[in-house]
Amino acid sequence: MEIDNEKEVIALGREIFTDLWRLFGFKIIVCDDPNDVHKHWREINSQDVAVIITEENWFFKMPLRLRLLAERSISPAWVKFPTLLHEGEDTLV
């Protein structure tokens, strides 16, 4: 009997951000509003998830309670990338 121990990497956040990670074959969860992350909390904290990739600015807009849980999480690990700017924008979204 073969056991598959591969864990997932999930890209979480705005569609423009997650689409880039989809190209690399990662699972994505589109959540344009960080206040709605609670709707996906159970899925992103399953035992099959090793890493959650998100934008830094999006992460810091998450509800405080969930953001603190994410910051203290060992598994899954949360990796924050610099926030993407839309064409013509001078400031972070």
Protein backbone atom coordinates (compact mmCIF):
# COMPACT_ATOMS: atom_id res chain seq x y z
CA MET A 1 0.00 0.00 0.00
CA GLU A 2 1.45 3.34 -1.08
CA ILE A 3 0.87 6.40 1.09
CA ASP A 4 0.99 9.84 -0.50
CA ASN A 5 2.53 12.26 2.00
CA GLU A 6 2.75 15.25 -0.32
CA LYS A 7 1.46 18.46 1.19
CA GLU A 8 -0.10 21.34 -0.68
CA VAL A 9 1.05 24.88 -1.22
CA ILE A 10 -1.88 27.29 -1.41
CA ALA A 11 -1.81 30.79 -2.86
CA LEU A 12 -4.43 32.85 -1.02
CA GLY A 13 -5.63 36.36 -1.80
CA ARG A 14 -6.63 38.61 -4.66
CA GLU A 15 -7.26 37.03 -8.04
CA ILE A 16 -4.41 38.91 -9.74
CA PHE A 17 -2.00 37.49 -7.14
CA THR A 18 -3.31 33.93 -7.10
CA ASP A 19 -3.41 33.67 -10.90
CA LEU A 20 0.37 34.08 -11.00
CA TRP A 21 0.82 31.12 -8.65
CA ARG A 22 -1.68 29.00 -10.57
CA LEU A 23 0.78 29.11 -13.49
CA PHE A 24 3.27 27.25 -11.28
CA GLY A 25 0.69 24.58 -10.50
CA PHE A 26 -0.15 25.62 -6.96
CA LYS A 27 -3.66 25.35 -5.57
CA ILE A 28 -5.31 28.75 -5.30
CA ILE A 29 -8.04 30.24 -3.16
CA VAL A 30 -9.33 33.58 -4.40
CA CYS A 31 -10.35 35.81 -1.51
CA ASP A 32 -10.38 39.44 -2.64
CA ASP A 33 -11.44 40.75 0.76
CA PRO A 34 -9.13 39.74 3.64
CA ASN A 35 -12.11 40.10 6.00
CA ASP A 36 -13.62 37.03 4.31
CA VAL A 37 -10.65 34.75 5.05
CA HIS A 38 -12.68 33.07 7.82
CA LYS A 39 -14.77 31.41 5.08
CA HIS A 40 -11.66 29.48 3.98
CA TRP A 41 -10.02 29.00 7.38
CA ARG A 42 -10.82 25.30 7.78
CA GLU A 43 -9.55 24.46 4.29
CA ILE A 44 -6.28 26.40 4.59
CA ASN A 45 -5.52 24.91 7.99
CA SER A 46 -6.04 21.29 7.00
CA GLN A 47 -3.32 18.71 7.61
CA ASP A 48 -2.65 18.53 3.87
CA VAL A 49 -1.43 22.15 3.65
CA ALA A 50 2.25 22.91 4.27
CA VAL A 51 2.57 26.51 3.05
CA ILE A 52 0.20 29.40 2.42
CA ILE A 53 1.46 32.13 0.09
CA THR A 54 -0.14 35.57 0.27
CA GLU A 55 0.54 39.24 -0.35
CA GLU A 56 1.95 41.21 2.55
CA ASN A 57 -0.59 44.04 2.39
CA TRP A 58 -3.50 41.58 2.05
CA PHE A 59 -2.20 39.60 5.05
CA PHE A 60 -2.06 42.67 7.29
CA LYS A 61 -5.69 43.51 6.43
CA MET A 62 -6.90 40.15 7.76
CA PRO A 63 -9.00 40.27 10.95
CA LEU A 64 -6.62 40.63 13.91
CA ARG A 65 -7.56 37.36 15.61
CA LEU A 66 -6.95 35.29 12.48
CA ARG A 67 -3.82 37.23 11.56
CA LEU A 68 -2.32 36.50 14.98
CA LEU A 69 -3.13 32.81 14.59
CA ALA A 70 -1.47 32.82 11.16
CA GLU A 71 1.61 34.66 12.45
CA ARG A 72 2.09 32.05 15.19
CA SER A 73 1.35 29.08 12.94
CA ILE A 74 4.13 26.58 12.36
CA SER A 75 2.13 24.31 10.10
CA PRO A 76 0.98 25.57 7.74
CA ALA A 77 3.68 28.20 7.35
CA TRP A 78 2.53 31.57 6.04
CA VAL A 79 4.81 33.23 3.47
CA LYS A 80 4.15 36.88 2.66
CA PHE A 81 5.30 38.32 -0.67
CA PRO A 82 5.46 42.04 -1.51
CA THR A 83 2.10 43.38 -2.62
CA LEU A 84 1.52 43.66 -6.37
CA LEU A 85 0.60 47.04 -7.80
CA HIS A 86 -1.99 47.45 -10.53
CA GLU A 87 -0.80 49.19 -13.68
CA GLY A 88 -0.76 52.95 -13.13
CA GLU A 89 -0.93 52.75 -9.32
CA ASP A 90 1.52 54.66 -7.17
CA THR A 91 0.49 53.15 -3.84
CA LEU A 92 -0.30 49.73 -2.48
CA VAL A 93 -3.84 48.45 -2.90
